[in-house]
C-alpha atoms as a PDB file:
ATOM      1  CA  MET A   1      80.814  54.751 -15.374  1.00  0.00           C
ATOM      2  CA  ILE A   2      77.528  56.483 -14.135  1.00  0.00           C
ATOM      3  CA  SER A   3      76.980  59.870 -15.556  1.00  0.00           C
ATOM      4  CA  GLN A   4      76.842  62.584 -13.004  1.00  0.00           C
ATOM      5  CA  GLU A   5      74.944  66.046 -13.318  1.00  0.00           C
ATOM      6  CA  LEU A   6      75.234  69.400 -11.375  1.00  0.00           C
ATOM      7  CA  ARG A   7      72.449  69.548  -8.868  1.00  0.00           C
ATOM      8  CA  LEU A   8      71.560  71.648  -5.932  1.00  0.00           C
ATOM      9  CA  VAL A   9      72.401  69.993  -2.403  1.00  0.00           C
ATOM     10  CA  ILE A  10      70.952  71.728   0.661  1.00  0.00           C
ATOM     11  CA  THR A  11      72.574  70.938   4.176  1.00  0.00           C
ATOM     12  CA  PHE A  12      71.483  70.909   7.373  1.00  0.00           C
ATOM     13  CA  HIS A  13      72.859  71.328  11.032  1.00  0.00           C
ATOM     14  CA  CYS A  14      70.560  68.250  12.540  1.00  0.00           C
ATOM     15  CA  THR A  15      68.709  65.453  11.235  1.00  0.00           C
ATOM     16  CA  THR A  16      65.483  66.889  12.366  1.00  0.00           C
ATOM     17  CA  ASP A  17      65.795  69.727   9.981  1.00  0.00           C
ATOM     18  CA  ALA A  18      66.546  67.539   7.485  1.00  0.00           C
ATOM     19  CA  ILE A  19      63.267  65.434   8.096  1.00  0.00           C
ATOM     20  CA  ALA A  20      61.314  68.855   8.522  1.00  0.00           C
ATOM     21  CA  MET A  21      62.544  69.862   4.816  1.00  0.00           C
ATOM     22  CA  GLU A  22      61.431  66.383   3.376  1.00  0.00           C
ATOM     23  CA  LYS A  23      57.798  66.754   5.248  1.00  0.00           C
ATOM     24  CA  ALA A  24      57.430  70.458   3.701  1.00  0.00           C
ATOM     25  CA  CYS A  25      58.355  69.525   0.131  1.00  0.00           C
ATOM     26  CA  LYS A  26      56.218  66.332   0.248  1.00  0.00           C
ATOM     27  CA  ALA A  27      53.393  68.330   1.308  1.00  0.00           C
ATOM     28  CA  ILE A  28      53.410  70.581  -1.396  1.00  0.00           C
ATOM     29  CA  GLY A  29      54.997  68.407  -4.247  1.00  0.00           C
ATOM     30  CA  ALA A  30      58.471  70.201  -4.248  1.00  0.00           C
ATOM     31  CA  PRO A  31      61.003  68.520  -6.315  1.00  0.00           C
ATOM     32  CA  GLY A  32      63.702  66.511  -4.485  1.00  0.00           C
ATOM     33  CA  ARG A  33      64.862  63.986  -2.375  1.00  0.00           C
ATOM     34  CA  LEU A  34      66.673  63.514   0.868  1.00  0.00           C
ATOM     35  CA  ILE A  35      70.200  62.025   0.169  1.00  0.00           C
ATOM     36  CA  PRO A  36      73.510  61.444   2.171  1.00  0.00           C
ATOM     37  CA  VAL A  37      75.783  64.376   2.604  1.00  0.00           C
ATOM     38  CA  PRO A  38      78.269  64.245  -0.550  1.00  0.00           C
ATOM     39  CA  ARG A  39      81.725  63.354   0.092  1.00  0.00           C
ATOM     40  CA  ALA A  40      82.948  66.773  -1.365  1.00  0.00           C
ATOM     41  CA  ILE A  41      80.802  68.838   1.392  1.00  0.00           C
ATOM     42  CA  SER A  42      81.274  68.508   5.008  1.00  0.00           C
ATOM     43  CA  ALA A  43      78.237  68.722   6.971  1.00  0.00           C
ATOM     44  CA  SER A  44      77.271  68.088  10.842  1.00  0.00           C
ATOM     45  CA  CYS A  45      74.153  66.424   9.822  1.00  0.00           C
ATOM     46  CA  GLY A  46      74.261  62.899   7.352  1.00  0.00           C
ATOM     47  CA  LEU A  47      71.751  63.970   5.369  1.00  0.00           C
ATOM     48  CA  SER A  48      70.925  66.959   2.732  1.00  0.00           C
ATOM     49  CA  TRP A  49      68.029  67.592  -0.196  1.00  0.00           C
ATOM     50  CA  CYS A  50      69.203  67.127  -3.124  1.00  0.00           C
ATOM     51  CA  ALA A  51      67.120  68.880  -6.488  1.00  0.00           C
ATOM     52  CA  GLU A  52      67.492  70.185  -9.850  1.00  0.00           C
ATOM     53  CA  LEU A  53      69.246  73.628  -9.833  1.00  0.00           C
ATOM     54  CA  SER A  54      66.017  75.418 -11.397  1.00  0.00           C
ATOM     55  CA  SER A  55      64.072  74.519  -8.138  1.00  0.00           C
ATOM     56  CA  ARG A  56      66.531  76.545  -5.999  1.00  0.00           C
ATOM     57  CA  THR A  57      64.138  79.552  -5.732  1.00  0.00           C
ATOM     58  CA  LEU A  58      61.355  77.622  -4.527  1.00  0.00           C
ATOM     59  CA  LEU A  59      63.493  75.647  -2.161  1.00  0.00           C
ATOM     60  CA  GLU A  60      64.722  78.617  -0.721  1.00  0.00           C
ATOM     61  CA  GLU A  61      61.122  80.065  -0.020  1.00  0.00           C
ATOM     62  CA  ILE A  62      60.328  76.762   1.540  1.00  0.00           C
ATOM     63  CA  LEU A  63      63.079  77.136   3.739  1.00  0.00           C
ATOM     64  CA  HIS A  64      62.113  80.335   4.435  1.00  0.00           C
ATOM     65  CA  THR A  65      58.496  80.112   5.195  1.00  0.00           C
ATOM     66  CA  GLN A  66      59.259  76.676   7.494  1.00  0.00           C
ATOM     67  CA  GLU A  67      61.644  78.729   9.361  1.00  0.00           C
ATOM     68  CA  ILE A  68      64.407  75.951   8.406  1.00  0.00           C
ATOM     69  CA  GLN A  69      68.155  77.097   8.504  1.00  0.00           C
ATOM     70  CA  PRO A  70      70.339  75.151   5.845  1.00  0.00           C
ATOM     71  CA  GLN A  71      73.858  74.738   7.093  1.00  0.00           C
ATOM     72  CA  GLY A  72      74.616  75.550   3.263  1.00  0.00           C
ATOM     73  CA  ILE A  73      73.313  75.551  -0.329  1.00  0.00           C
ATOM     74  CA  TYR A  74      75.631  74.148  -2.752  1.00  0.00           C
ATOM     75  CA  GLU A  75      75.573  73.232  -6.568  1.00  0.00           C
ATOM     76  CA  CYS A  76      77.387  69.581  -6.671  1.00  0.00           C
ATOM     77  CA  MET A  77      78.474  67.001  -9.319  1.00  0.00           C
ATOM     78  CA  ILE A  78      76.450  64.453  -8.374  1.00  0.00           C
END
């Protein structure tokens, strides 16, 4: 069985926002990656940003700076 760990998952209203988040994070070397939205979470966009819980503050700052409105920010076992 694959081990799971608690991760931060940010969902978006549209794919454009998810791609904008990926671009902004890669530009500054922020942690995380795009993943399909976990089944436990319902979202209108099929993509989400996944990272370690410890990076929450940095990622929230990026969302604010880039004016990206997340649909939700969750802590999930992935």
